[in-house]
Structures are given as C-alpha cells and as structure tokens.
Amino acid sequence: MLEPVTLQPVDYLAIGHVAVDITPAGNQLGGSVAYAALTARALGMRVGIVTSAGSDAPLQALNGIQVVTIPSDFSTTFENVKTEQGRKQTLHHQASEINIENIPAVWRNTPVVHLAPIAQEVDGKLAKQFSSSLVGVTPQGWMRAWDENGKVHASAWENSEQVLGPVGGVVMSVEDINRDLELVEAMAHQTRILCLTEGEAGSVLYWNGDRRRFRAPVVNELDATGAGDIFAAAFFVRLFNTRDPWEAARFATNLAAYSVTRVGLGGIPTRQEIEDCLMEVLL
C-alpha cells in the first residue's frame, strides 16, 4: 500500500476505486471517489482517498489531495457507450479490493466517511468500522455485476442490510435500481436517511418516515458524468455541517445541477456556485 510520507488528519475520507474511463477523447480519470473528493475539497474540507489503482491511472487531477493507493496491475477501467437504449458499460479491468486493513489509523476517526464502490471493491463490513463518523454510502458498485466479456448489468445488492443499518446516509440514483421504486421504499425503511437522485427531475429524500421531492433548476446539460457523486459529496458535507437532511438535499440538488453544464471533472463546483447555492437554501 502506497502512502504519502506523513499522512495528516482529514475531514472527509472517500473509499473506493478511482477509474480509468475510456472516452473518444482519450482515457480520463473517473470514479466516485475522484468526483466526491474534489467536491468535498471545493466545499472546504480536508480530504483523503483510499483507493487501488495501477500506473495507468491519471491521478494528477487529484494533486493536493492525500491519496493512499493499494498497488494493482491495472486500474479499474470502464468504457461507456451511449445508445438509444441507454448507456452500455463494459468493465475491462478491476483493481484490488479494499478492506479495513487498508485504512490508515490516522483516518479511522474521520468526521465524514464516504464508501463509494464502483466495482464490488469495497468490503461492506467497513460500514460498521467508523463508529464516531458520519458514514455516507453511494452503493452503485455493489449493485452491478458483469459477464465474462465485461458487459455490466444491474445486480441485486447482496448483504445490503449490513450497510443500510449502521450508516448515516445513502445516496443512489434511479438507474442504480432500474427505477424500482418499491425497492427504494423498502431500503428507506432499513436505513436512517436515503436520497434518490433522478437526473434533471432532481431528488427525493426519505427520512423519518417522510418523503420530500427537490426539483432541480433547469440548465443546459452537456455531460452528466459524475453528477451523482458531486450530489453525494455535497449532501454528506452539508448534512454533517447542519444535521438537517432537508437542507442538505436542497443544497446538493442545486449544486449538482451546475455540474452537468461542463464535461467530466470540469463539473466540480466553483466557489461562486457554492456560494449561490448556499444563499438559495438559506433564503
């Protein structure tokens, strides 16, 4: 495991694989931890990442963020192709798994911990290992599988109860659950706070037996890549700061909308966007 010479405490710890995304413009850095970590940093948090990657990962986009990397022959590599039937995704490589032994001791009491699997790589038992932290989860990587050719398809989330019970918040998209709203309702009864993102329609928050919808502002969408991860980081940070899930969901919905107007990691929130969204939720 490769660590910076001296790790410093952080406020926001993202755990999961960075990804190498194959695009027509060339290979680019992706993965939930990349988008979430950069968003959390933009929101003023000291950020750390625990990941696994090979030498092929273009990690320079994460300069200034402490990254602990478990060595792997290859990084987790995805190729996404847009079709009339939706996105077709292929997994070409999968990096090493991540478990509690890979988490540096100095980061085991981090205020906000974000479990962000993209390819079944994060041990679900980690959800119970951060008793003094707000643990947030984006479970998409536990809800996908792939065949022998790497073709990715939706899959049942095995052992979901070991995560849903102890964590402080869950963010998932309608695509993650194939728009099965009955499944969402069932999960909402198993966890404290669940937020479902619905793209341009906004989000729906389930909390304390209540359900509330937050409409997204209308924008010109250019690229929705990473918008859900930006939403999740904004939601978890604001939830930690305010302890108000309704306000956190409103803030995250507005902030994530800005991200789709730019391509890839260029969608990370700007200081002005953050200030504008804070003003909107406080009015």
C-alpha atoms as a PDB file:
ATOM      1  CA  MET A   1       0.000   0.000   0.000  1.00  0.00           C
ATOM      2  CA  LEU A   2       1.448   3.321  -1.077  1.00  0.00           C
ATOM      3  CA  GLU A   3       1.022   6.186   1.386  1.00  0.00           C
ATOM      4  CA  PRO A   4       2.246   9.766   1.458  1.00  0.00           C
ATOM      5  CA  VAL A   5       5.314  10.052   3.701  1.00  0.00           C
ATOM      6  CA  THR A   6       3.319  11.648   6.536  1.00  0.00           C
ATOM      7  CA  LEU A   7      -0.453  11.467   6.488  1.00  0.00           C
ATOM      8  CA  GLN A   8      -2.367  14.319   8.060  1.00  0.00           C
ATOM      9  CA  PRO A   9      -5.868  14.047   9.554  1.00  0.00           C
ATOM     10  CA  VAL A  10      -8.720  14.746   7.146  1.00  0.00           C
ATOM     11  CA  ASP A  11     -12.357  15.830   7.439  1.00  0.00           C
ATOM     12  CA  TYR A  12     -13.697  13.765   4.532  1.00  0.00           C
ATOM     13  CA  LEU A  13     -12.460  10.284   3.613  1.00  0.00           C
ATOM     14  CA  ALA A  14     -13.540   8.735   0.296  1.00  0.00           C
ATOM     15  CA  ILE A  15     -13.034   4.977  -0.065  1.00  0.00           C
ATOM     16  CA  GLY A  16     -13.315   3.211  -3.426  1.00  0.00           C
ATOM     17  CA  HIS A  17     -11.639   2.783  -6.778  1.00  0.00           C
ATOM     18  CA  VAL A  18     -10.642   5.641  -8.975  1.00  0.00           C
ATOM     19  CA  ALA A  19     -11.400   4.652 -12.552  1.00  0.00           C
ATOM     20  CA  VAL A  20      -9.788   4.977 -15.918  1.00  0.00           C
ATOM     21  CA  ASP A  21     -12.651   5.953 -18.212  1.00  0.00           C
ATOM     22  CA  ILE A  22     -12.153   5.174 -21.891  1.00  0.00           C
ATOM     23  CA  THR A  23     -13.674   8.017 -23.905  1.00  0.00           C
ATOM     24  CA  PRO A  24     -13.500   9.158 -27.547  1.00  0.00           C
ATOM     25  CA  ALA A  25     -11.238  11.985 -26.322  1.00  0.00           C
ATOM     26  CA  GLY A  26      -8.848   9.529 -24.655  1.00  0.00           C
ATOM     27  CA  ASN A  27      -8.523   7.967 -21.220  1.00  0.00           C
ATOM     28  CA  GLN A  28      -9.712  10.162 -18.342  1.00  0.00           C
ATOM     29  CA  LEU A  29      -9.804   9.899 -14.566  1.00  0.00           C
ATOM     30  CA  GLY A  30     -13.182   8.917 -13.195  1.00  0.00           C
ATOM     31  CA  GLY A  31     -14.751   7.038 -10.322  1.00  0.00           C
ATOM     32  CA  SER A  32     -16.973   8.205  -7.485  1.00  0.00           C
ATOM     33  CA  VAL A  33     -14.068   8.909  -5.131  1.00  0.00           C
ATOM     34  CA  ALA A  34     -12.462  11.312  -7.621  1.00  0.00           C
ATOM     35  CA  TYR A  35     -15.610  13.397  -8.132  1.00  0.00           C
ATOM     36  CA  ALA A  36     -16.611  13.254  -4.459  1.00  0.00           C
ATOM     37  CA  ALA A  37     -13.157  14.123  -3.121  1.00  0.00           C
ATOM     38  CA  LEU A  38     -12.738  17.112  -5.416  1.00  0.00           C
ATOM     39  CA  THR A  39     -16.218  18.335  -4.497  1.00  0.00           C
ATOM     40  CA  ALA A  40     -15.573  17.952  -0.768  1.00  0.00           C
ATOM     41  CA  ARG A  41     -12.337  19.907  -1.165  1.00  0.00           C
ATOM     42  CA  ALA A  42     -14.192  22.657  -3.018  1.00  0.00           C
ATOM     43  CA  LEU A  43     -16.562  22.781  -0.037  1.00  0.00           C
ATOM     44  CA  GLY A  44     -13.652  23.488   2.295  1.00  0.00           C
ATOM     45  CA  MET A  45     -12.966  20.012   3.661  1.00  0.00           C
ATOM     46  CA  ARG A  46      -9.549  18.450   4.161  1.00  0.00           C
ATOM     47  CA  VAL A  47      -9.824  15.335   2.021  1.00  0.00           C
ATOM     48  CA  GLY A  48      -8.239  11.890   1.839  1.00  0.00           C
ATOM     49  CA  ILE A  49      -8.764   8.967  -0.516  1.00  0.00           C
ATOM     50  CA  VAL A  50      -8.123   5.253  -0.039  1.00  0.00           C
ATOM     51  CA  THR A  51      -8.141   3.552  -3.419  1.00  0.00           C
ATOM     52  CA  SER A  52      -6.481   0.919  -5.568  1.00  0.00           C
ATOM     53  CA  ALA A  53      -5.003   1.690  -8.958  1.00  0.00           C
ATOM     54  CA  GLY A  54      -2.291   0.808 -11.400  1.00  0.00           C
ATOM     55  CA  SER A  55       0.307   3.012 -13.018  1.00  0.00           C
ATOM     56  CA  ASP A  56      -2.191   3.707 -15.819  1.00  0.00           C
ATOM     57  CA  ALA A  57      -4.381   5.938 -13.603  1.00  0.00           C
ATOM     58  CA  PRO A  58      -4.030   9.674 -14.395  1.00  0.00           C
ATOM     59  CA  LEU A  59      -4.009  10.767 -10.757  1.00  0.00           C
ATOM     60  CA  GLN A  60      -2.607  14.247 -11.399  1.00  0.00           C
ATOM     61  CA  ALA A  61      -6.161  15.612 -11.274  1.00  0.00           C
ATOM     62  CA  LEU A  62      -6.082  14.790  -7.543  1.00  0.00           C
ATOM     63  CA  ASN A  63      -2.961  16.811  -6.793  1.00  0.00           C
ATOM     64  CA  GLY A  64      -3.280  18.424  -3.389  1.00  0.00           C
ATOM     65  CA  ILE A  65      -5.412  15.581  -2.001  1.00  0.00           C
ATOM     66  CA  GLN A  66      -3.841  12.892   0.177  1.00  0.00           C
ATOM     67  CA  VAL A  67      -4.218   9.573  -1.659  1.00  0.00           C
ATOM     68  CA  VAL A  68      -3.393   6.144  -0.248  1.00  0.00           C
ATOM     69  CA  THR A  69      -3.129   3.680  -3.121  1.00  0.00           C
ATOM     70  CA  ILE A  70      -3.208  -0.112  -2.921  1.00  0.00           C
ATOM     71  CA  PRO A  71      -0.990  -1.252  -5.806  1.00  0.00           C
ATOM     72  CA  SER A  72      -2.689  -3.154  -8.623  1.00  0.00           C
ATOM     73  CA  ASP A  73      -1.584  -4.383 -12.038  1.00  0.00           C
ATOM     74  CA  PHE A  74      -4.367  -2.350 -13.642  1.00  0.00           C
ATOM     75  CA  SER A  75      -6.775   0.345 -12.562  1.00  0.00           C
ATOM     76  CA  THR A  76     -10.496  -0.327 -12.719  1.00  0.00           C
ATOM     77  CA  THR A  77     -11.250   0.558 -16.331  1.00  0.00           C
ATOM     78  CA  PHE A  78     -14.672   1.293 -17.794  1.00  0.00           C
ATOM     79  CA  GLU A  79     -15.845   2.019 -21.304  1.00  0.00           C
ATOM     80  CA  ASN A  80     -19.242   3.695 -21.653  1.00  0.00           C
ATOM     81  CA  VAL A  81     -21.122   3.855 -24.946  1.00  0.00           C
ATOM     82  CA  LYS A  82     -24.336   5.862 -25.319  1.00  0.00           C
ATOM     83  CA  THR A  83     -27.070   4.135 -27.297  1.00  0.00           C
ATOM     84  CA  GLU A  84     -30.757   4.774 -27.951  1.00  0.00           C
ATOM     85  CA  GLN A  85     -31.481   2.165 -25.272  1.00  0.00           C
ATOM     86  CA  GLY A  86     -29.279   3.941 -22.731  1.00  0.00           C
ATOM     87  CA  ARG A  87     -25.678   3.646 -21.616  1.00  0.00           C
ATOM     88  CA  LYS A  88     -23.843   0.404 -22.348  1.00  0.00           C
ATOM     89  CA  GLN A  89     -20.956  -0.148 -19.962  1.00  0.00           C
ATOM     90  CA  THR A  90     -18.001  -2.534 -20.190  1.00  0.00           C
ATOM     91  CA  LEU A  91     -15.532  -3.317 -17.403  1.00  0.00           C
ATOM     92  CA  HIS A  92     -12.105  -4.041 -18.899  1.00  0.00           C
ATOM     93  CA  HIS A  93     -10.064  -4.276 -15.669  1.00  0.00           C
ATOM     94  CA  GLN A  94     -10.720  -4.395 -11.935  1.00  0.00           C
ATOM     95  CA  ALA A  95      -8.217  -3.190  -9.332  1.00  0.00           C
ATOM     96  CA  SER A  96      -7.650  -4.736  -5.889  1.00  0.00           C
ATOM     97  CA  GLU A  97     -10.230  -4.950  -3.110  1.00  0.00           C
ATOM     98  CA  ILE A  98     -10.316  -2.510  -0.191  1.00  0.00           C
ATOM     99  CA  ASN A  99     -10.867  -3.591   3.419  1.00  0.00           C
ATOM    100  CA  ILE A 100     -10.300  -2.251   6.922  1.00  0.00           C
ATOM    101  CA  GLU A 101      -6.604  -3.186   6.943  1.00  0.00           C
ATOM    102  CA  ASN A 102      -6.080  -0.699   4.109  1.00  0.00           C
ATOM    103  CA  ILE A 103      -7.414   2.273   6.098  1.00  0.00           C
ATOM    104  CA  PRO A 104      -4.606   4.247   7.802  1.00  0.00           C
ATOM    105  CA  ALA A 105      -5.028   4.536  11.577  1.00  0.00           C
ATOM    106  CA  VAL A 106      -4.880   8.341  11.421  1.00  0.00           C
ATOM    107  CA  TRP A 107      -8.017   8.326   9.246  1.00  0.00           C
ATOM    108  CA  ARG A 108     -10.189   5.905  11.215  1.00  0.00           C
ATOM    109  CA  ASN A 109     -11.904   8.714  13.155  1.00  0.00           C
ATOM    110  CA  THR A 110     -12.515  10.998  10.190  1.00  0.00           C
ATOM    111  CA  PRO A 111     -15.711  13.085  10.658  1.00  0.00           C
ATOM    112  CA  VAL A 112     -17.229  12.132   7.265  1.00  0.00           C
ATOM    113  CA  VAL A 113     -16.501   8.772   5.632  1.00  0.00           C
ATOM    114  CA  HIS A 114     -17.843   8.108   2.139  1.00  0.00           C
ATOM    115  CA  LEU A 115     -17.963   4.474   0.986  1.00  0.00           C
ATOM    116  CA  ALA A 116     -18.010   4.747  -2.797  1.00  0.00           C
ATOM    117  CA  PRO A 117     -17.652   1.385  -4.573  1.00  0.00           C
ATOM    118  CA  ILE A 118     -17.820   1.239  -8.367  1.00  0.00           C
ATOM    119  CA  ALA A 119     -16.961  -2.429  -8.991  1.00  0.00           C
ATOM    120  CA  GLN A 120     -17.722  -4.528  -5.898  1.00  0.00           C
ATOM    121  CA  GLU A 121     -14.351  -3.489  -4.440  1.00  0.00           C
ATOM    122  CA  VAL A 122     -15.267  -2.122  -1.006  1.00  0.00           C
ATOM    123  CA  ASP A 123     -15.824  -4.564   1.857  1.00  0.00           C
ATOM    124  CA  GLY A 124     -19.338  -3.865   3.154  1.00  0.00           C
ATOM    125  CA  LYS A 125     -18.132  -4.565   6.702  1.00  0.00           C
ATOM    126  CA  LEU A 126     -16.427  -1.172   6.611  1.00  0.00           C
ATOM    127  CA  ALA A 127     -19.831   0.403   7.298  1.00  0.00           C
ATOM    128  CA  LYS A 128     -19.503  -0.627  10.965  1.00  0.00           C
ATOM    129  CA  GLN A 129     -15.850   0.327  11.398  1.00  0.00           C
ATOM    130  CA  PHE A 130     -16.242   4.102  11.799  1.00  0.00           C
ATOM    131  CA  SER A 131     -18.342   4.422  14.943  1.00  0.00           C
ATOM    132  CA  SER A 132     -17.501   8.102  15.534  1.00  0.00           C
ATOM    133  CA  SER A 133     -18.026   9.182  11.895  1.00  0.00           C
ATOM    134  CA  LEU A 134     -20.933  10.152   9.689  1.00  0.00           C
ATOM    135  CA  VAL A 135     -20.747   7.297   7.197  1.00  0.00           C
ATOM    136  CA  GLY A 136     -22.314   8.018   3.826  1.00  0.00           C
ATOM    137  CA  VAL A 137     -22.718   5.457   1.071  1.00  0.00           C
ATOM    138  CA  THR A 138     -23.160   5.546  -2.686  1.00  0.00           C
ATOM    139  CA  PRO A 139     -23.831   1.836  -3.308  1.00  0.00           C
ATOM    140  CA  GLN A 140     -23.828   1.713  -7.122  1.00  0.00           C
ATOM    141  CA  GLY A 141     -20.730  -0.504  -7.193  1.00  0.00           C
ATOM    142  CA  TRP A 142     -22.485  -3.105  -5.043  1.00  0.00           C
ATOM    143  CA  MET A 143     -25.476  -3.071  -7.409  1.00  0.00           C
ATOM    144  CA  ARG A 144     -23.729  -4.006 -10.639  1.00  0.00           C
ATOM    145  CA  ALA A 145     -22.138  -7.169 -11.981  1.00  0.00           C
ATOM    146  CA  TRP A 146     -20.561  -8.168 -15.278  1.00  0.00           C
ATOM    147  CA  ASP A 147     -20.297 -11.202 -17.524  1.00  0.00           C
ATOM    148  CA  GLU A 148     -17.189 -12.951 -18.867  1.00  0.00           C
ATOM    149  CA  ASN A 149     -16.872 -10.273 -21.548  1.00  0.00           C
ATOM    150  CA  GLY A 150     -17.061  -7.439 -19.030  1.00  0.00           C
ATOM    151  CA  LYS A 151     -20.565  -6.346 -20.022  1.00  0.00           C
ATOM    152  CA  VAL A 152     -22.001  -4.609 -16.972  1.00  0.00           C
ATOM    153  CA  HIS A 153     -25.559  -5.235 -15.811  1.00  0.00           C
ATOM    154  CA  ALA A 154     -27.670  -4.436 -12.769  1.00  0.00           C
ATOM    155  CA  SER A 155     -27.466  -6.901  -9.919  1.00  0.00           C
ATOM    156  CA  ALA A 156     -29.107  -7.415  -6.538  1.00  0.00           C
ATOM    157  CA  TRP A 157     -27.189  -5.817  -3.672  1.00  0.00           C
ATOM    158  CA  GLU A 158     -26.137  -8.807  -1.591  1.00  0.00           C
ATOM    159  CA  ASN A 159     -25.906  -8.364   2.188  1.00  0.00           C
ATOM    160  CA  SER A 160     -27.267  -4.836   1.893  1.00  0.00           C
ATOM    161  CA  GLU A 161     -28.556  -4.979   5.457  1.00  0.00           C
ATOM    162  CA  GLN A 162     -25.003  -4.940   6.860  1.00  0.00           C
ATOM    163  CA  VAL A 163     -24.563  -1.499   5.277  1.00  0.00           C
ATOM    164  CA  LEU A 164     -28.045   0.052   5.383  1.00  0.00           C
ATOM    165  CA  GLY A 165     -28.462  -0.457   9.118  1.00  0.00           C
ATOM    166  CA  PRO A 166     -25.388   1.275  10.544  1.00  0.00           C
ATOM    167  CA  VAL A 167     -24.720   4.070   8.049  1.00  0.00           C
ATOM    168  CA  GLY A 168     -25.840   7.673   8.403  1.00  0.00           C
ATOM    169  CA  GLY A 169     -26.944   8.297   4.825  1.00  0.00           C
ATOM    170  CA  VAL A 170     -27.386   6.592   1.459  1.00  0.00           C
ATOM    171  CA  VAL A 171     -27.444   8.257  -1.956  1.00  0.00           C
ATOM    172  CA  MET A 172     -28.386   6.278  -5.055  1.00  0.00           C
ATOM    173  CA  SER A 173     -29.809   7.001  -8.499  1.00  0.00           C
ATOM    174  CA  VAL A 174     -32.907   5.676 -10.183  1.00  0.00           C
ATOM    175  CA  GLU A 175     -30.608   3.960 -12.692  1.00  0.00           C
ATOM    176  CA  ASP A 176     -28.897   2.045  -9.876  1.00  0.00           C
ATOM    177  CA  ILE A 177     -32.149   0.290  -9.027  1.00  0.00           C
ATOM    178  CA  ASN A 178     -33.658   0.116 -12.530  1.00  0.00           C
ATOM    179  CA  ARG A 179     -36.345   2.586 -11.416  1.00  0.00           C
ATOM    180  CA  ASP A 180     -37.744   0.034  -8.962  1.00  0.00           C
ATOM    181  CA  LEU A 181     -39.398   2.454  -6.552  1.00  0.00           C
ATOM    182  CA  GLU A 182     -40.748  -0.371  -4.389  1.00  0.00           C
ATOM    183  CA  LEU A 183     -37.145  -1.406  -3.741  1.00  0.00           C
ATOM    184  CA  VAL A 184     -36.310   2.172  -2.777  1.00  0.00           C
ATOM    185  CA  GLU A 185     -39.200   2.264  -0.312  1.00  0.00           C
ATOM    186  CA  ALA A 186     -38.003  -0.997   1.248  1.00  0.00           C
ATOM    187  CA  MET A 187     -34.444   0.292   1.576  1.00  0.00           C
ATOM    188  CA  ALA A 188     -35.660   3.571   3.075  1.00  0.00           C
ATOM    189  CA  HIS A 189     -37.196   1.598   5.941  1.00  0.00           C
ATOM    190  CA  GLN A 190     -33.871  -0.136   6.598  1.00  0.00           C
ATOM    191  CA  THR A 191     -31.669   2.955   6.869  1.00  0.00           C
ATOM    192  CA  ARG A 192     -31.682   6.369   8.539  1.00  0.00           C
ATOM    193  CA  ILE A 193     -31.642   8.638   5.508  1.00  0.00           C
ATOM    194  CA  LEU A 194     -31.960   7.698   1.844  1.00  0.00           C
ATOM    195  CA  CYS A 195     -31.765  10.108  -1.063  1.00  0.00           C
ATOM    196  CA  LEU A 196     -32.712   9.063  -4.581  1.00  0.00           C
ATOM    197  CA  THR A 197     -31.374  11.168  -7.439  1.00  0.00           C
ATOM    198  CA  GLU A 198     -33.463  11.405 -10.607  1.00  0.00           C
ATOM    199  CA  GLY A 199     -31.293  13.364 -13.021  1.00  0.00           C
ATOM    200  CA  GLU A 200     -32.913  16.510 -14.378  1.00  0.00           C
ATOM    201  CA  ALA A 201     -36.005  15.814 -12.240  1.00  0.00           C
ATOM    202  CA  GLY A 202     -33.995  16.447  -9.055  1.00  0.00           C
ATOM    203  CA  SER A 203     -34.039  14.214  -5.990  1.00  0.00           C
ATOM    204  CA  VAL A 204     -36.318  12.566  -3.454  1.00  0.00           C
ATOM    205  CA  LEU A 205     -35.348  12.316   0.217  1.00  0.00           C
ATOM    206  CA  TYR A 206     -36.688   9.680   2.604  1.00  0.00           C
ATOM    207  CA  TRP A 207     -36.246  10.497   6.296  1.00  0.00           C
ATOM    208  CA  ASN A 208     -38.165   9.710   9.476  1.00  0.00           C
ATOM    209  CA  GLY A 209     -40.986   8.090   7.503  1.00  0.00           C
ATOM    210  CA  ASP A 210     -41.419  11.239   5.425  1.00  0.00           C
ATOM    211  CA  ARG A 211     -40.707  11.754   1.733  1.00  0.00           C
ATOM    212  CA  ARG A 212     -39.911  15.059   0.052  1.00  0.00           C
ATOM    213  CA  ARG A 213     -39.030  15.963  -3.533  1.00  0.00           C
ATOM    214  CA  PHE A 214     -36.491  18.626  -4.522  1.00  0.00           C
ATOM    215  CA  ARG A 215     -36.731  19.984  -8.046  1.00  0.00           C
ATOM    216  CA  ALA A 216     -33.513  20.681  -9.910  1.00  0.00           C
ATOM    217  CA  PRO A 217     -33.002  24.040 -11.605  1.00  0.00           C
ATOM    218  CA  VAL A 218     -33.310  23.934 -15.389  1.00  0.00           C
ATOM    219  CA  VAL A 219     -29.894  24.004 -17.081  1.00  0.00           C
ATOM    220  CA  ASN A 220     -28.419  23.114 -20.460  1.00  0.00           C
ATOM    221  CA  GLU A 221     -26.998  19.623 -19.913  1.00  0.00           C
ATOM    222  CA  LEU A 222     -23.678  18.906 -21.587  1.00  0.00           C
ATOM    223  CA  ASP A 223     -22.363  15.927 -19.607  1.00  0.00           C
ATOM    224  CA  ALA A 224     -23.976  14.252 -16.602  1.00  0.00           C
ATOM    225  CA  THR A 225     -20.895  12.167 -15.742  1.00  0.00           C
ATOM    226  CA  GLY A 226     -20.144  12.411 -12.033  1.00  0.00           C
ATOM    227  CA  ALA A 227     -23.209  14.486 -11.195  1.00  0.00           C
ATOM    228  CA  GLY A 228     -24.479  11.873  -8.752  1.00  0.00           C
ATOM    229  CA  ASP A 229     -21.124  11.748  -6.976  1.00  0.00           C
ATOM    230  CA  ILE A 230     -20.997  15.537  -6.754  1.00  0.00           C
ATOM    231  CA  PHE A 231     -24.520  15.430  -5.329  1.00  0.00           C
ATOM    232  CA  ALA A 232     -23.500  12.805  -2.769  1.00  0.00           C
ATOM    233  CA  ALA A 233     -20.442  14.693  -1.531  1.00  0.00           C
ATOM    234  CA  ALA A 234     -22.408  17.935  -1.274  1.00  0.00           C
ATOM    235  CA  PHE A 235     -25.192  16.126   0.585  1.00  0.00           C
ATOM    236  CA  PHE A 236     -22.882  14.392   3.070  1.00  0.00           C
ATOM    237  CA  VAL A 237     -20.854  17.535   3.778  1.00  0.00           C
ATOM    238  CA  ARG A 238     -23.940  19.704   4.258  1.00  0.00           C
ATOM    239  CA  LEU A 239     -25.618  17.019   6.372  1.00  0.00           C
ATOM    240  CA  PHE A 240     -22.548  16.893   8.605  1.00  0.00           C
ATOM    241  CA  ASN A 241     -22.419  20.671   8.922  1.00  0.00           C
ATOM    242  CA  THR A 242     -26.119  21.291   9.553  1.00  0.00           C
ATOM    243  CA  ARG A 243     -27.610  17.943  10.683  1.00  0.00           C
ATOM    244  CA  ASP A 244     -30.583  18.942   8.508  1.00  0.00           C
ATOM    245  CA  PRO A 245     -31.260  16.350   5.772  1.00  0.00           C
ATOM    246  CA  TRP A 246     -33.863  18.542   4.042  1.00  0.00           C
ATOM    247  CA  GLU A 247     -31.464  21.456   3.692  1.00  0.00           C
ATOM    248  CA  ALA A 248     -28.649  19.108   2.632  1.00  0.00           C
ATOM    249  CA  ALA A 249     -30.797  17.610  -0.119  1.00  0.00           C
ATOM    250  CA  ARG A 250     -31.886  21.011  -1.422  1.00  0.00           C
ATOM    251  CA  PHE A 251     -28.290  22.260  -1.466  1.00  0.00           C
ATOM    252  CA  ALA A 252     -26.956  19.111  -3.182  1.00  0.00           C
ATOM    253  CA  THR A 253     -29.713  19.130  -5.794  1.00  0.00           C
ATOM    254  CA  ASN A 254     -28.963  22.712  -6.782  1.00  0.00           C
ATOM    255  CA  LEU A 255     -25.191  22.287  -6.766  1.00  0.00           C
ATOM    256  CA  ALA A 256     -25.207  19.072  -8.808  1.00  0.00           C
ATOM    257  CA  ALA A 257     -27.305  20.765 -11.487  1.00  0.00           C
ATOM    258  CA  TYR A 258     -24.446  23.140 -12.269  1.00  0.00           C
ATOM    259  CA  SER A 259     -22.078  20.215 -12.839  1.00  0.00           C
ATOM    260  CA  VAL A 260     -23.867  18.863 -15.917  1.00  0.00           C
ATOM    261  CA  THR A 261     -23.167  22.082 -17.823  1.00  0.00           C
ATOM    262  CA  ARG A 262     -19.478  21.103 -18.087  1.00  0.00           C
ATOM    263  CA  VAL A 263     -17.593  17.973 -19.149  1.00  0.00           C
ATOM    264  CA  GLY A 264     -16.120  15.389 -16.771  1.00  0.00           C
ATOM    265  CA  LEU A 265     -14.112  16.659 -13.819  1.00  0.00           C
ATOM    266  CA  GLY A 266     -14.669  20.166 -15.170  1.00  0.00           C
ATOM    267  CA  GLY A 267     -18.070  19.897 -13.490  1.00  0.00           C
ATOM    268  CA  ILE A 268     -16.593  20.144  -9.982  1.00  0.00           C
ATOM    269  CA  PRO A 269     -18.349  23.090  -8.265  1.00  0.00           C
ATOM    270  CA  THR A 270     -16.807  26.537  -8.337  1.00  0.00           C
ATOM    271  CA  ARG A 271     -16.646  28.843  -5.335  1.00  0.00           C
ATOM    272  CA  GLN A 272     -19.312  31.099  -6.870  1.00  0.00           C
ATOM    273  CA  GLU A 273     -21.670  28.167  -7.489  1.00  0.00           C
ATOM    274  CA  ILE A 274     -21.263  27.001  -3.905  1.00  0.00           C
ATOM    275  CA  GLU A 275     -21.959  30.480  -2.554  1.00  0.00           C
ATOM    276  CA  ASP A 276     -25.014  30.849  -4.788  1.00  0.00           C
ATOM    277  CA  CYS A 277     -26.453  27.508  -3.666  1.00  0.00           C
ATOM    278  CA  LEU A 278     -25.852  28.312  -0.014  1.00  0.00           C
ATOM    279  CA  MET A 279     -27.733  31.566  -0.465  1.00  0.00           C
ATOM    280  CA  GLU A 280     -30.622  29.721  -2.160  1.00  0.00           C
ATOM    281  CA  VAL A 281     -31.101  27.234   0.667  1.00  0.00           C
ATOM    282  CA  LEU A 282     -30.823  29.928   3.333  1.00  0.00           C
ATOM    283  CA  LEU A 283     -33.416  32.261   1.793  1.00  0.00           C
END
